[in-house]
């Protein structure tokens, strides 16, 4: 309604950058959560559980588990942000200003895409 810019920052869960799992981390470090990697996520919820899940992750074949998860999360977040942005333009067709800025990496802001 206000032709404002919107900034969407994709920040990743810690496990996407994890290099090892530590099952006792939460007990030794109360309040800091758990320490695991995408490998443990895929082991708990394997892509073979769902045909759609497996099909979606095919686009990230050849990457390690963490990079697969990061790529999938980035693409899903971008699709959602872009879809909501485009829908808002249809609902308010007189809206002419404003940009959607999609940033990857949270505080590190490694990449920004302007729509």
Foldseek 3Di string as FASTA:
>chain_A
DPLAAAEAEDADDPQLPADAFDQCPCVVPPPPDGHHHLVVVCVVPPCVVDPVSVVLLVVVPPDPRSVSVLVSSLVVVVVVVVVVVVVVCVVVVVNDHYWYWYFYHPPVRPDIDID
